[in-house]
């Protein structure tokens, strides 16, 4: 005999490729966010710690990076790169919030995450949106990691 959860899941059609793309998007976000956190830790002057073991919201991670940028002096090229990384993180944070805080809905006989914007418009999160978000997170994580290793090797000038 099936319980209410099993009965509910059978009534709701699921798209395993969509769910896989959603999982990949969230995982890529987590990877990139850790790269951002390590970059912030590297940017802070000696003696300041970024406690990675304490829970932080993604907005707090963004603030850590901005604070680290204000607390350090970098050569122009590294400073511009770090500022661009922070700006892109802020942009991706809005997209992440759209994904994470959306609600499931059946749209055209497909399960999709759905969001209602502040202006009252409705939008579903499509598979291509998730793929693009994953790619953007991967690219930003790679940029943050590259800058991190450049700073650690002392190659900024």
Protein backbone atom coordinates (compact mmCIF):
# COMPACT_ATOMS: atom_id res chain seq x y z
CA UNK A 1 0.00 0.00 0.00
CA UNK A 2 1.29 3.44 -0.92
CA UNK A 3 1.38 6.30 1.54
CA UNK A 4 0.31 9.88 0.74
CA UNK A 5 3.79 10.94 -0.40
CA UNK A 6 4.11 8.10 -2.92
CA UNK A 7 0.59 8.76 -4.20
CA UNK A 8 1.36 12.48 -4.56
CA UNK A 9 4.59 11.82 -6.49
CA UNK A 10 2.73 9.57 -8.94
CA UNK A 11 0.20 12.31 -9.67
CA UNK A 12 2.95 14.85 -10.37
CA UNK A 13 4.83 14.13 -13.59
CA UNK A 14 8.56 14.57 -13.15
CA UNK A 15 11.18 15.26 -15.74
CA UNK A 16 14.41 13.60 -14.65
CA UNK A 17 16.50 15.69 -17.06
CA UNK A 18 15.02 18.88 -15.59
CA UNK A 19 15.71 17.69 -12.06
CA UNK A 20 19.27 16.74 -13.06
CA UNK A 21 19.80 20.22 -14.53
CA UNK A 22 18.41 21.77 -11.35
CA UNK A 23 20.74 19.67 -9.19
CA UNK A 24 23.70 20.56 -11.39
CA UNK A 25 22.84 24.27 -11.17
CA UNK A 26 22.71 24.18 -7.37
CA UNK A 27 25.93 22.17 -7.18
CA UNK A 28 27.76 24.56 -9.54
CA UNK A 29 26.56 27.46 -7.40
CA UNK A 30 27.99 25.80 -4.28
CA UNK A 31 31.34 25.17 -6.00
CA UNK A 32 31.56 28.75 -7.21
CA UNK A 33 30.50 30.17 -3.85
CA UNK A 34 33.33 28.34 -2.11
CA UNK A 35 35.79 29.79 -4.63
CA UNK A 36 34.39 33.25 -3.81
CA UNK A 37 34.77 32.60 -0.10
CA UNK A 38 38.38 31.46 -0.49
CA UNK A 39 39.09 34.54 -2.62
CA UNK A 40 37.62 36.80 0.09
CA UNK A 41 39.78 35.04 2.69
CA UNK A 42 42.87 35.63 0.56
CA UNK A 43 42.05 39.31 -0.02
CA UNK A 44 41.63 40.17 3.65
CA UNK A 45 44.76 41.44 5.42
CA UNK A 46 46.68 39.18 7.79
CA UNK A 47 44.83 38.42 10.98
CA UNK A 48 41.31 38.66 9.58
CA UNK A 49 39.51 35.37 9.33
CA UNK A 50 36.59 34.26 7.23
CA UNK A 51 34.98 31.51 9.24
CA UNK A 52 34.00 28.91 6.68
CA UNK A 53 32.58 26.64 9.36
CA UNK A 54 29.88 29.14 10.38
CA UNK A 55 26.68 29.23 8.34
CA UNK A 56 26.41 32.20 5.98
CA UNK A 57 23.74 33.21 3.56
CA UNK A 58 24.78 33.85 -0.02
CA UNK A 59 24.17 37.57 0.58
CA UNK A 60 26.63 37.39 3.50
CA UNK A 61 29.20 35.76 1.21
CA UNK A 62 28.73 38.69 -1.19
CA UNK A 63 29.29 41.10 1.70
CA UNK A 64 32.43 39.23 2.77
CA UNK A 65 33.86 39.65 -0.73
CA UNK A 66 32.97 43.37 -0.86
CA UNK A 67 34.44 43.94 2.61
CA UNK A 68 37.61 42.09 1.65
CA UNK A 69 37.97 44.27 -1.46
CA UNK A 70 37.64 47.41 0.66
CA UNK A 71 40.19 46.12 3.19
CA UNK A 72 42.98 45.42 0.73
CA UNK A 73 44.97 47.25 -1.89
CA UNK A 74 45.64 45.41 -5.10
CA UNK A 75 47.31 46.44 -8.33
CA UNK A 76 44.81 47.95 -10.76
CA UNK A 77 44.38 44.87 -12.95
CA UNK A 78 43.77 42.53 -9.99
CA UNK A 79 41.52 45.08 -8.32
CA UNK A 80 39.43 45.47 -11.47
CA UNK A 81 39.20 41.71 -11.89
CA UNK A 82 38.15 41.22 -8.25
CA UNK A 83 35.53 43.98 -8.55
CA UNK A 84 34.17 42.40 -11.76
CA UNK A 85 33.98 39.03 -9.99
CA UNK A 86 32.05 40.64 -7.11
CA UNK A 87 29.65 42.32 -9.56
CA UNK A 88 29.03 39.06 -11.42
CA UNK A 89 28.52 37.21 -8.13
CA UNK A 90 25.85 39.77 -7.19
CA UNK A 91 24.13 39.21 -10.54
CA UNK A 92 24.24 35.43 -10.19
CA UNK A 93 22.98 35.74 -6.62
CA UNK A 94 19.75 37.24 -7.97
CA UNK A 95 19.40 34.35 -10.42
CA UNK A 96 20.18 31.83 -7.68
CA UNK A 97 17.47 33.35 -5.49
CA UNK A 98 15.02 33.08 -8.38
CA UNK A 99 15.79 29.37 -8.66
CA UNK A 100 15.98 28.48 -4.98
CA UNK A 101 12.94 30.50 -3.91
CA UNK A 102 10.71 29.54 -6.85
CA UNK A 103 7.81 27.19 -6.35
CA UNK A 104 6.96 24.08 -8.36
CA UNK A 105 4.11 24.33 -10.80
CA UNK A 106 2.65 22.32 -13.65
CA UNK A 107 2.95 24.40 -16.82
CA UNK A 108 1.90 22.93 -20.16
CA UNK A 109 1.81 19.47 -18.53
CA UNK A 110 5.41 19.81 -17.33
CA UNK A 111 6.75 20.34 -13.85
CA UNK A 112 8.75 23.55 -13.70
CA UNK A 113 9.91 25.94 -11.06
CA UNK A 114 7.89 29.11 -11.33
CA UNK A 115 8.52 32.59 -10.01
CA UNK A 116 6.48 35.72 -9.67
CA UNK A 117 8.51 38.88 -10.08
CA UNK A 118 8.09 41.97 -7.92
CA UNK A 119 6.33 43.69 -10.84
CA UNK A 120 3.73 40.90 -10.88
CA UNK A 121 4.97 39.15 -14.02
CA UNK A 122 5.19 35.36 -14.01
CA UNK A 123 8.01 33.28 -15.41
CA UNK A 124 8.92 29.62 -15.37
CA UNK A 125 12.50 28.45 -15.05
CA UNK A 126 13.19 26.45 -18.16
CA UNK A 127 15.92 23.83 -18.70
CA UNK A 128 17.96 26.30 -20.79
CA UNK A 129 17.87 28.77 -17.88
CA UNK A 130 19.35 26.13 -15.58
CA UNK A 131 22.05 25.17 -18.10
CA UNK A 132 23.01 28.83 -18.60
CA UNK A 133 23.11 29.43 -14.84
CA UNK A 134 25.32 26.35 -14.33
CA UNK A 135 27.70 27.55 -17.04
CA UNK A 136 27.84 31.06 -15.60
CA UNK A 137 28.59 29.67 -12.13
CA UNK A 138 31.35 27.44 -13.50
CA UNK A 139 32.90 30.34 -15.43
CA UNK A 140 32.80 32.67 -12.42
CA UNK A 141 34.19 29.99 -10.11
CA UNK A 142 37.08 29.46 -12.53
CA UNK A 143 37.76 33.22 -12.67
CA UNK A 144 37.71 33.49 -8.86
CA UNK A 145 40.03 30.47 -8.53
CA UNK A 146 42.43 31.84 -11.13
CA UNK A 147 42.64 35.18 -9.30
CA UNK A 148 43.05 33.37 -5.99
CA UNK A 149 46.02 31.40 -7.27
CA UNK A 150 47.53 34.48 -8.93
CA UNK A 151 47.37 36.28 -5.57
CA UNK A 152 48.78 33.30 -3.67
CA UNK A 153 51.73 33.08 -6.08
CA UNK A 154 52.28 36.83 -5.81
CA UNK A 155 52.00 37.31 -9.55
CA UNK A 156 49.99 40.54 -9.45
CA UNK A 157 51.73 43.67 -10.61
